[in-house]
């Protein structure tokens, strides 16, 4: 994620902090400092919020390590002002696996809350603050009491059956046990948006802007999850060769940028694979890098000076959903398709979207055409339209 800095690596997973998190620390420090103008209070406030985010990281690790048991790796964990995000390579498609991954995070908070409760009671304390400070609620209770309340809140908040909270994934997992995954996602998303609407109404009537913000967060999360699930369902079982661009132009690393610019002006693709004399891939020149090179070094600059070498690749026979995930996680806007070492195609999110639109248009027409009466021989399939079980998977 952009604007993030790496702060740790835990269990083989990189942990990042988004730079906006520093704004939260500054605001918390001021809130604690302001009532008594005490720097000590400010320090303790920042320590408390950092401790909360340690529990958030543990929560996300619960998801990540459970997913790892099912062969799903976690790209990274990022701390944001609103919480933490663990980016899994993919969500499990088996409902009971998704259920286990979704529940694992809140269970970590349950264990932390239980440990804090035992410690507080063992030292003669009470689980809840005995009095409320009307001046500044941030100072209510002891450090342990407040941390206990936060962990209980995290469990309750994540139990809301709406995306992107864990409760939404639990709901989808239960629904997917009895219906199609995409349909289960759609139903869970509608329920989540209904909850978001109720939150928004309550926030507007009560003047609670936090509830309104949560409602917007839930609404967008539900819509995004439904969109992703629909796309995944649309491309499931389709090999990369069915969606890749086969009519493309490649350039050499020693070519001048003006040569690429001329291709762009003639209407060719925006991003260019860079090959050596033997046709082997050595880099990718995205349109952004081309424009940067033209503005800084001019049209005569070599392509190799501005090409990217951190590109990922796909194979023609692998499944499109896996290749799309690899394309989305990388920084390069195009995914070269290699048959061995030979470049045979390009894959972009745009041409995947075009494939989906074309297939949906054809499917919509077929649904309007009455089915023929009597037995009809199925039309032959070419190698690009064969069912998924006939496609050889790599490895």
Protein backbone atom coordinates (compact mmCIF):
# COMPACT_ATOMS: atom_id res chain seq x y z
CA UNK A 1 0.00 0.00 0.00
CA UNK A 2 1.33 3.42 -0.94
CA UNK A 3 2.31 5.96 1.73
CA UNK A 4 3.22 3.11 4.08
CA UNK A 5 6.48 2.30 5.85
CA UNK A 6 7.58 -1.11 7.05
CA UNK A 7 7.83 -1.31 10.85
CA UNK A 8 8.16 -5.04 11.55
CA UNK A 9 8.14 -8.56 10.16
CA UNK A 10 6.22 -11.10 12.24
CA UNK A 11 5.89 -14.81 11.39
CA UNK A 12 7.19 -14.05 7.90
CA UNK A 13 4.58 -11.31 7.31
CA UNK A 14 5.59 -7.69 6.73
CA UNK A 15 3.79 -5.16 8.94
CA UNK A 16 3.41 -1.62 7.56
CA UNK A 17 2.21 1.63 9.07
CA UNK A 18 0.33 4.05 6.85
CA UNK A 19 1.66 7.58 7.27
CA UNK A 20 -1.80 8.87 8.16
CA UNK A 21 -1.43 6.81 11.35
CA UNK A 22 0.96 9.51 12.57
CA UNK A 23 -1.93 11.99 12.41
CA UNK A 24 -3.90 9.77 14.78
CA UNK A 25 -0.98 9.64 17.22
CA UNK A 26 -0.69 13.43 17.11
CA UNK A 27 -4.40 13.89 17.74
CA UNK A 28 -4.43 11.39 20.62
CA UNK A 29 -1.37 13.05 22.15
CA UNK A 30 -3.09 16.44 22.04
CA UNK A 31 -6.33 15.07 23.51
CA UNK A 32 -4.44 13.66 26.47
CA UNK A 33 -2.26 16.74 26.86
CA UNK A 34 -5.00 19.38 26.67
CA UNK A 35 -6.99 18.86 29.94
CA UNK A 36 -4.02 19.29 32.31
CA UNK A 37 -1.34 20.51 29.89
CA UNK A 38 0.71 17.49 30.93
CA UNK A 39 3.31 15.96 28.62
CA UNK A 40 3.24 12.86 30.82
CA UNK A 41 -0.47 12.43 30.07
CA UNK A 42 0.28 12.87 26.36
CA UNK A 43 2.95 10.15 26.47
CA UNK A 44 0.64 7.74 28.29
CA UNK A 45 -2.09 8.47 25.77
CA UNK A 46 0.21 7.61 22.88
CA UNK A 47 1.42 4.47 24.70
CA UNK A 48 -2.20 3.42 25.20
CA UNK A 49 -3.15 3.88 21.53
CA UNK A 50 0.00 2.00 20.45
CA UNK A 51 -0.97 -0.84 22.79
CA UNK A 52 -4.41 -0.95 21.18
CA UNK A 53 -2.80 -1.30 17.77
CA UNK A 54 -0.60 -4.11 19.06
CA UNK A 55 -3.84 -5.98 19.76
CA UNK A 56 -5.04 -5.02 16.27
CA UNK A 57 -1.89 -6.57 14.77
CA UNK A 58 -2.48 -9.72 16.83
CA UNK A 59 -6.07 -9.76 15.56
CA UNK A 60 -4.87 -9.61 11.95
CA UNK A 61 -2.22 -12.25 12.63
CA UNK A 62 -5.04 -14.50 13.83
CA UNK A 63 -6.60 -14.22 10.36
CA UNK A 64 -3.26 -14.57 8.57
CA UNK A 65 -1.93 -17.60 10.43
CA UNK A 66 -5.25 -19.43 10.15
CA UNK A 67 -5.33 -18.73 6.41
CA UNK A 68 -1.78 -20.08 6.17
CA UNK A 69 -3.04 -23.44 7.45
CA UNK A 70 -5.14 -23.66 4.30
CA UNK A 71 -2.28 -22.74 1.98
CA UNK A 72 -3.22 -19.06 1.68
CA UNK A 73 -0.38 -16.60 2.21
CA UNK A 74 -0.73 -13.04 3.52
CA UNK A 75 0.88 -10.30 1.47
CA UNK A 76 1.18 -7.86 4.38
CA UNK A 77 -0.56 -6.20 7.32
CA UNK A 78 -1.06 -2.43 7.26
CA UNK A 79 -2.00 -0.23 10.23
CA UNK A 80 -4.44 2.55 9.36
CA UNK A 81 -6.05 5.15 11.64
CA UNK A 82 -9.30 3.15 11.45
CA UNK A 83 -7.68 -0.22 12.25
CA UNK A 84 -5.62 -2.90 10.56
CA UNK A 85 -5.85 -4.63 7.18
CA UNK A 86 -4.39 -8.06 6.43
CA UNK A 87 -4.12 -8.55 2.65
CA UNK A 88 -4.59 -12.25 1.96
CA UNK A 89 -3.67 -13.61 -1.47
CA UNK A 90 -7.25 -14.79 -1.72
CA UNK A 91 -10.17 -15.71 0.48
CA UNK A 92 -10.89 -19.43 0.96
CA UNK A 93 -13.64 -20.70 -1.31
CA UNK A 94 -14.58 -23.51 1.08
CA UNK A 95 -17.20 -22.03 3.46
CA UNK A 96 -15.89 -23.73 6.59
CA UNK A 97 -12.36 -22.49 5.84
CA UNK A 98 -13.58 -18.91 5.41
CA UNK A 99 -15.52 -19.30 8.65
CA UNK A 100 -12.38 -20.38 10.49
CA UNK A 101 -10.30 -17.52 9.04
CA UNK A 102 -12.99 -14.94 9.84
CA UNK A 103 -13.50 -16.10 13.42
CA UNK A 104 -9.78 -16.38 14.21
CA UNK A 105 -9.27 -12.60 14.50
CA UNK A 106 -12.02 -11.85 17.05
CA UNK A 107 -11.01 -14.96 19.00
CA UNK A 108 -7.61 -13.33 19.59
CA UNK A 109 -9.38 -10.35 21.15
CA UNK A 110 -11.50 -12.69 23.27
CA UNK A 111 -8.34 -14.32 24.62
CA UNK A 112 -6.73 -10.92 25.33
CA UNK A 113 -9.88 -9.65 27.06
CA UNK A 114 -10.13 -12.82 29.14
CA UNK A 115 -6.47 -12.52 30.19
CA UNK A 116 -6.94 -8.88 31.18
CA UNK A 117 -10.11 -9.72 33.13
CA UNK A 118 -8.35 -12.47 35.07
CA UNK A 119 -5.41 -10.17 35.82
CA UNK A 120 -7.65 -7.31 37.00
CA UNK A 121 -9.73 -9.55 39.26
CA UNK A 122 -6.64 -11.30 40.63
CA UNK A 123 -5.22 -7.94 41.77
CA UNK A 124 -8.45 -6.92 43.50
CA UNK A 125 -9.68 -4.56 40.81
CA UNK A 126 -13.03 -4.22 39.04
CA UNK A 127 -13.65 -4.94 35.40
CA UNK A 128 -15.35 -1.58 34.75
CA UNK A 129 -14.35 1.92 35.91
CA UNK A 130 -16.04 2.90 39.13
CA UNK A 131 -16.71 6.46 37.95
CA UNK A 132 -16.89 8.35 34.69
CA UNK A 133 -14.77 11.46 34.20
CA UNK A 134 -17.13 13.98 32.56
CA UNK A 135 -14.26 16.20 31.39
CA UNK A 136 -12.41 13.71 29.23
CA UNK A 137 -13.59 10.15 28.69
CA UNK A 138 -10.11 9.19 27.48
CA UNK A 139 -8.98 9.13 31.13
CA UNK A 140 -11.74 6.84 32.43
CA UNK A 141 -10.49 3.75 34.25
CA UNK A 142 -7.09 2.16 34.64
CA UNK A 143 -4.88 1.21 31.73
CA UNK A 144 -5.95 -2.45 31.99
CA UNK A 145 -9.65 -1.58 32.32
CA UNK A 146 -9.59 0.59 29.23
CA UNK A 147 -7.66 -2.02 27.24
CA UNK A 148 -10.21 -4.64 28.30
CA UNK A 149 -13.08 -2.41 27.12
CA UNK A 150 -11.34 -1.83 23.78
CA UNK A 151 -10.91 -5.56 23.14
CA UNK A 152 -14.53 -6.27 24.01
CA UNK A 153 -15.54 -3.47 21.62
CA UNK A 154 -13.38 -5.00 18.85
CA UNK A 155 -15.13 -8.35 19.31
CA UNK A 156 -18.60 -6.78 19.25
CA UNK A 157 -17.84 -4.43 16.35
CA UNK A 158 -16.35 -7.21 14.21
CA UNK A 159 -19.39 -9.38 14.94
CA UNK A 160 -21.62 -7.02 12.93
CA UNK A 161 -22.83 -9.16 9.99
CA UNK A 162 -21.67 -6.74 7.32
CA UNK A 163 -18.62 -6.43 5.08
CA UNK A 164 -15.82 -5.61 5.57
CA UNK A 165 -16.14 -6.72 9.22
CA UNK A 166 -15.46 -10.32 10.14
CA UNK A 167 -19.16 -10.84 10.87
CA UNK A 168 -19.92 -10.25 7.20
CA UNK A 169 -17.53 -13.02 6.20
CA UNK A 170 -19.01 -15.34 8.83
CA UNK A 171 -22.48 -14.63 7.41
CA UNK A 172 -21.27 -15.33 3.86
CA UNK A 173 -19.63 -18.58 4.98
CA UNK A 174 -22.91 -19.82 6.48
CA UNK A 175 -24.87 -18.74 3.41
CA UNK A 176 -22.33 -20.35 1.05
CA UNK A 177 -22.98 -23.71 2.71
CA UNK A 178 -26.41 -23.69 1.06
CA UNK A 179 -26.02 -21.53 -2.06
CA UNK A 180 -23.56 -20.38 -4.73
CA UNK A 181 -20.59 -18.35 -3.43
CA UNK A 182 -21.36 -15.29 -5.56
CA UNK A 183 -25.02 -15.41 -4.56
CA UNK A 184 -24.05 -15.77 -0.90
CA UNK A 185 -21.81 -12.73 -1.24
CA UNK A 186 -24.63 -10.72 -2.83
CA UNK A 187 -27.07 -11.63 -0.05
CA UNK A 188 -24.51 -10.81 2.65
CA UNK A 189 -23.72 -7.50 0.92
CA UNK A 190 -27.41 -6.51 0.80
CA UNK A 191 -27.77 -7.32 4.51
CA UNK A 192 -24.65 -5.31 5.25
CA UNK A 193 -25.92 -2.31 3.30
CA UNK A 194 -29.20 -2.53 5.18
CA UNK A 195 -27.28 -2.35 8.45
CA UNK A 196 -25.27 0.57 7.07
CA UNK A 197 -28.54 2.38 6.27
CA UNK A 198 -29.74 1.89 9.85
CA UNK A 199 -26.42 3.20 11.18
CA UNK A 200 -26.68 6.25 8.94
CA UNK A 201 -30.24 7.01 10.06
CA UNK A 202 -29.27 6.64 13.72
CA UNK A 203 -26.25 8.89 13.17
CA UNK A 204 -28.29 11.58 11.43
CA UNK A 205 -31.08 11.55 14.02
CA UNK A 206 -28.67 11.53 16.94
CA UNK A 207 -26.08 13.86 15.47
CA UNK A 208 -23.43 11.12 15.79
CA UNK A 209 -20.92 11.63 12.98
CA UNK A 210 -18.95 8.52 13.99
CA UNK A 211 -21.99 6.35 13.23
CA UNK A 212 -22.38 8.10 9.87
CA UNK A 213 -18.71 7.41 9.08
CA UNK A 214 -19.13 3.74 10.07
CA UNK A 215 -22.24 3.54 7.87
CA UNK A 216 -20.30 4.86 4.86
CA UNK A 217 -17.43 2.47 5.62
CA UNK A 218 -19.79 -0.53 5.80
CA UNK A 219 -21.76 0.48 2.68
CA UNK A 220 -18.61 0.84 0.56
CA UNK A 221 -17.14 -2.37 1.97
CA UNK A 222 -20.29 -4.34 1.12
CA UNK A 223 -20.44 -2.92 -2.41
CA UNK A 224 -16.75 -3.62 -2.99
CA UNK A 225 -16.98 -7.21 -1.74
CA UNK A 226 -20.00 -7.91 -3.96
CA UNK A 227 -18.21 -6.46 -6.99
CA UNK A 228 -15.11 -8.58 -6.38
CA UNK A 229 -17.17 -11.75 -5.91
CA UNK A 230 -19.09 -11.11 -9.14
CA UNK A 231 -15.87 -10.63 -11.06
CA UNK A 232 -14.35 -13.78 -9.57
CA UNK A 233 -17.46 -15.77 -10.48
CA UNK A 234 -17.41 -14.38 -14.02
CA UNK A 235 -13.81 -15.42 -14.71
CA UNK A 236 -13.68 -18.66 -12.73
CA UNK A 237 -12.52 -21.59 -14.83
CA UNK A 238 -11.26 -19.40 -17.69
CA UNK A 239 -7.60 -19.82 -18.71
CA UNK A 240 -5.36 -16.82 -19.25
CA UNK A 241 -5.07 -17.55 -22.99
CA UNK A 242 -8.78 -16.76 -23.31
CA UNK A 243 -8.32 -13.17 -22.12
CA UNK A 244 -4.78 -12.21 -23.08
CA UNK A 245 -3.95 -9.68 -25.79
CA UNK A 246 -2.21 -11.45 -28.66
CA UNK A 247 -1.88 -8.51 -31.04
CA UNK A 248 0.76 -6.38 -29.34
CA UNK A 249 4.01 -4.53 -30.00
CA UNK A 250 7.23 -5.18 -28.10
CA UNK A 251 10.33 -2.97 -28.06
CA UNK A 252 14.01 -3.46 -27.36
CA UNK A 253 15.84 -1.95 -24.42
CA UNK A 254 18.18 0.03 -26.69
CA UNK A 255 15.30 1.58 -28.66
CA UNK A 256 14.64 5.29 -28.23
CA UNK A 257 11.59 6.56 -26.39
CA UNK A 258 10.42 8.38 -29.53
CA UNK A 259 9.89 4.99 -31.19
CA UNK A 260 7.50 3.96 -28.41
CA UNK A 261 5.82 7.38 -28.47
CA UNK A 262 5.13 6.93 -32.18
CA UNK A 263 3.45 3.57 -31.48
CA UNK A 264 1.25 5.24 -28.87
CA UNK A 265 0.25 8.01 -31.29
CA UNK A 266 -0.68 5.43 -33.92
CA UNK A 267 -3.11 3.89 -31.45
CA UNK A 268 -1.22 0.87 -30.12
CA UNK A 269 -1.24 -0.33 -26.51
CA UNK A 270 -0.17 2.06 -23.71
CA UNK A 271 2.29 -0.33 -21.99
CA UNK A 272 5.10 -2.12 -23.78
CA UNK A 273 7.00 -5.33 -23.08
CA UNK A 274 10.76 -4.92 -23.52
CA UNK A 275 12.66 -7.86 -25.05
CA UNK A 276 16.26 -8.63 -25.89
CA UNK A 277 17.62 -9.75 -29.25
CA UNK A 278 16.44 -13.32 -28.62
CA UNK A 279 12.89 -12.23 -27.78
CA UNK A 280 13.31 -12.86 -24.03
CA UNK A 281 11.43 -10.56 -21.65
CA UNK A 282 13.73 -8.14 -19.81
CA UNK A 283 11.31 -5.44 -18.67
CA UNK A 284 8.08 -3.48 -19.10
CA UNK A 285 7.75 0.17 -20.12
CA UNK A 286 4.45 1.50 -18.67
CA UNK A 287 2.93 4.62 -20.15
CA UNK A 288 3.72 6.58 -17.00
CA UNK A 289 7.41 5.73 -17.25
CA UNK A 290 7.38 6.69 -20.96
CA UNK A 291 5.95 10.12 -20.15
CA UNK A 292 8.45 10.60 -17.32
CA UNK A 293 11.33 9.75 -19.64
CA UNK A 294 10.12 12.07 -22.39
CA UNK A 295 9.80 14.98 -19.95
CA UNK A 296 13.13 14.46 -18.16
CA UNK A 297 15.57 13.00 -20.73
CA UNK A 298 13.81 13.61 -24.03
CA UNK A 299 12.77 11.42 -26.99
CA UNK A 300 16.28 10.10 -27.64
CA UNK A 301 16.60 8.44 -24.21
CA UNK A 302 16.84 4.62 -24.31
CA UNK A 303 13.89 2.50 -23.24
CA UNK A 304 16.09 0.46 -20.91
CA UNK A 305 16.72 3.50 -18.74
CA UNK A 306 13.03 3.78 -17.78
CA UNK A 307 11.67 0.25 -18.07
CA UNK A 308 10.54 -1.66 -14.99
CA UNK A 309 12.20 -4.95 -14.16
CA UNK A 310 9.98 -5.89 -11.18
CA UNK A 311 7.20 -7.28 -13.38
CA UNK A 312 5.30 -10.50 -12.69
CA UNK A 313 4.29 -13.01 -15.37
CA UNK A 314 1.53 -15.50 -16.14
CA UNK A 315 1.30 -18.74 -18.12
CA UNK A 316 -1.29 -19.26 -20.90
CA UNK A 317 -2.85 -22.30 -19.23
CA UNK A 318 -3.19 -21.00 -15.67
CA UNK A 319 -6.51 -19.80 -14.35
CA UNK A 320 -7.43 -16.18 -14.96
CA UNK A 321 -8.49 -15.47 -11.37
CA UNK A 322 -5.00 -16.36 -10.07
CA UNK A 323 -3.34 -14.21 -12.72
CA UNK A 324 -5.67 -11.29 -11.95
CA UNK A 325 -4.74 -11.46 -8.26
CA UNK A 326 -1.05 -11.34 -9.22
CA UNK A 327 -1.69 -8.40 -11.55
CA UNK A 328 -3.56 -6.45 -8.87
CA UNK A 329 -0.93 -6.99 -6.19
CA UNK A 330 1.93 -5.74 -8.38
CA UNK A 331 2.89 -2.20 -9.27
CA UNK A 332 3.11 -2.91 -13.00
CA UNK A 333 -0.11 -2.28 -14.99
CA UNK A 334 0.44 -5.19 -17.39
CA UNK A 335 1.15 -8.88 -16.88
CA UNK A 336 3.26 -10.49 -19.63
CA UNK A 337 2.14 -14.01 -20.57
CA UNK A 338 5.05 -16.38 -21.19
CA UNK A 339 5.01 -19.82 -22.77
CA UNK A 340 8.33 -21.00 -21.40
CA UNK A 341 10.54 -18.00 -22.17
CA UNK A 342 8.54 -16.94 -25.23
CA UNK A 343 6.30 -13.89 -24.88
CA UNK A 344 2.87 -14.84 -26.26
CA UNK A 345 0.49 -12.24 -24.82
CA UNK A 346 -0.29 -9.40 -22.42
CA UNK A 347 -2.86 -9.28 -19.66
CA UNK A 348 -4.37 -6.07 -18.25
CA UNK A 349 -7.36 -5.35 -16.01
CA UNK A 350 -8.95 -3.53 -18.95
CA UNK A 351 -9.00 -6.52 -21.30
CA UNK A 352 -10.19 -8.80 -18.47
CA UNK A 353 -13.05 -6.37 -17.93
CA UNK A 354 -13.82 -6.39 -21.65
CA UNK A 355 -13.90 -10.20 -21.66
CA UNK A 356 -16.35 -10.19 -18.74
CA UNK A 357 -18.61 -7.62 -20.44
CA UNK A 358 -18.67 -9.60 -23.70
CA UNK A 359 -19.44 -12.88 -21.91
CA UNK A 360 -22.20 -11.22 -19.86
CA UNK A 361 -23.74 -9.71 -23.02
CA UNK A 362 -23.74 -13.12 -24.75
CA UNK A 363 -25.18 -14.79 -21.64
CA UNK A 364 -27.92 -12.14 -21.41
CA UNK A 365 -28.94 -12.76 -25.03
CA UNK A 366 -28.97 -16.53 -24.57
CA UNK A 367 -31.25 -16.14 -21.56
CA UNK A 368 -33.79 -14.30 -23.76
CA UNK A 369 -33.73 -16.87 -26.59
CA UNK A 370 -36.23 -19.75 -26.06
CA UNK A 371 -34.58 -23.12 -25.61
CA UNK A 372 -35.02 -25.51 -28.61
CA UNK A 373 -37.45 -28.41 -28.25
CA UNK A 374 -36.01 -31.88 -28.48
CA UNK A 375 -32.43 -33.14 -28.38
CA UNK A 376 -29.89 -30.87 -29.99
CA UNK A 377 -26.22 -31.68 -30.43
CA UNK A 378 -23.94 -29.38 -28.48
CA UNK A 379 -21.76 -27.13 -30.65
CA UNK A 380 -18.09 -28.07 -30.76
CA UNK A 381 -15.74 -26.25 -28.44
CA UNK A 382 -12.38 -24.97 -29.49
CA UNK A 383 -9.46 -25.04 -27.08
CA UNK A 384 -10.36 -21.59 -25.78
CA UNK A 385 -13.90 -22.49 -24.75
CA UNK A 386 -13.28 -25.84 -23.12
CA UNK A 387 -14.65 -26.35 -19.61
CA UNK A 388 -12.28 -25.79 -16.71
CA UNK A 389 -11.79 -29.50 -16.05
CA UNK A 390 -10.20 -29.90 -19.49
CA UNK A 391 -7.69 -27.15 -19.02
CA UNK A 392 -4.28 -28.31 -17.90
CA UNK A 393 -3.20 -26.41 -14.80
CA UNK A 394 0.46 -25.50 -14.47
CA UNK A 395 2.55 -27.50 -12.05
